Amino acid sequence: MVESEGPAVTQIGRRLAVHEEEEAFLVIREGDPEDWLARFDKENGFPARAWAENMVRVYNRRLALGSAGSPTPPGTDPR
């Protein structure tokens, strides 16, 4: 059995944020731009900012509500 030094720290409860770089928008853990979770490249007219901001908005809203429910049903606009 492995003994821990204290309660486990989970990353799940941390808010997300958008961090802009020259070639992409990154979805990061708030306050930690080195710990990115998703990358949306700015190329070929892809709406990278919108995708990153939407991911952050949906996640943070669910986090605030304490929702552990199912993901957004297909065909639903999460905004």
Protein backbone atom coordinates (compact mmCIF):
# COMPACT_ATOMS: atom_id res chain seq x y z
CA MET A 1 0.00 0.00 0.00
CA VAL A 2 1.33 3.45 -0.92
CA GLU A 3 0.99 6.14 1.74
CA SER A 4 0.30 9.67 0.54
CA GLU A 5 1.65 12.78 2.22
CA GLY A 6 -1.78 14.37 2.29
CA PRO A 7 -4.99 14.63 0.29
CA ALA A 8 -4.58 14.12 -3.42
CA VAL A 9 -4.68 17.35 -5.41
CA THR A 10 -6.91 17.01 -8.41
CA GLN A 11 -6.68 19.18 -11.50
CA ILE A 12 -10.32 18.67 -12.40
CA GLY A 13 -11.58 21.52 -10.19
CA ARG A 14 -9.40 24.19 -11.81
CA ARG A 15 -10.90 26.71 -14.21
CA LEU A 16 -9.67 26.90 -17.78
CA ALA A 17 -8.55 29.95 -19.76
CA VAL A 18 -7.52 30.82 -23.32
CA HIS A 19 -3.90 31.73 -24.04
CA GLU A 20 -3.00 33.22 -27.44
CA GLU A 21 0.28 32.43 -29.13
CA GLU A 22 1.51 33.50 -32.56
CA GLU A 23 0.32 30.35 -34.35
CA ALA A 24 -2.44 29.03 -32.08
CA PHE A 25 -4.90 29.50 -29.25
CA LEU A 26 -4.26 27.22 -26.29
CA VAL A 27 -6.76 26.08 -23.69
CA ILE A 28 -4.84 26.15 -20.41
CA ARG A 29 -5.43 25.63 -16.72
CA GLU A 30 -6.08 29.14 -15.41
CA GLY A 31 -2.84 30.79 -14.33
CA ASP A 32 -0.60 28.15 -15.88
CA PRO A 33 0.07 28.73 -19.61
CA GLU A 34 2.64 25.91 -19.63
CA ASP A 35 -0.07 23.35 -18.77
CA TRP A 36 -2.16 23.42 -21.94
CA LEU A 37 -4.92 20.92 -22.64
CA ALA A 38 -5.95 21.73 -26.20
CA ARG A 39 -4.40 23.59 -29.11
CA PHE A 40 -6.35 25.23 -31.94
CA ASP A 41 -4.07 26.32 -34.79
CA LYS A 42 -4.70 29.61 -36.60
CA GLU A 43 -4.56 28.45 -40.20
CA ASN A 44 -6.69 28.08 -43.30
CA GLY A 45 -9.43 30.29 -41.91
CA PHE A 46 -10.16 27.92 -39.00
CA PRO A 47 -11.97 29.82 -36.19
CA ALA A 48 -9.39 28.83 -33.56
CA ARG A 49 -10.26 31.60 -31.10
CA ALA A 50 -13.98 30.71 -31.16
CA TRP A 51 -13.30 27.00 -30.58
CA ALA A 52 -10.92 27.68 -27.69
CA GLU A 53 -13.25 30.22 -26.07
CA ASN A 54 -16.24 27.90 -26.42
CA MET A 55 -14.36 24.99 -24.83
CA VAL A 56 -13.37 27.21 -21.90
CA ARG A 57 -16.87 28.70 -21.53
CA VAL A 58 -18.60 25.31 -21.48
CA TYR A 59 -16.12 23.72 -19.08
CA ASN A 60 -16.08 26.65 -16.66
CA ARG A 61 -19.88 26.90 -16.68
CA ARG A 62 -20.18 23.20 -15.84
CA LEU A 63 -17.53 23.55 -13.16
CA ALA A 64 -19.44 26.46 -11.58
CA LEU A 65 -22.67 24.46 -11.60
CA GLY A 66 -20.95 21.45 -10.07
CA SER A 67 -22.26 19.36 -12.93
CA ALA A 68 -20.90 15.89 -13.37
CA GLY A 69 -23.69 15.07 -15.77
CA SER A 70 -23.56 13.84 -19.32
CA PRO A 71 -21.93 15.89 -22.08
CA THR A 72 -23.98 18.24 -24.22
CA PRO A 73 -26.31 16.17 -26.41
CA PRO A 74 -25.48 16.09 -30.13
CA GLY A 75 -27.01 18.98 -32.05
CA THR A 76 -27.20 21.25 -29.00
CA ASP A 77 -25.54 24.66 -29.17
CA PRO A 78 -23.68 24.90 -25.82
CA ARG A 79 -23.61 28.72 -25.83
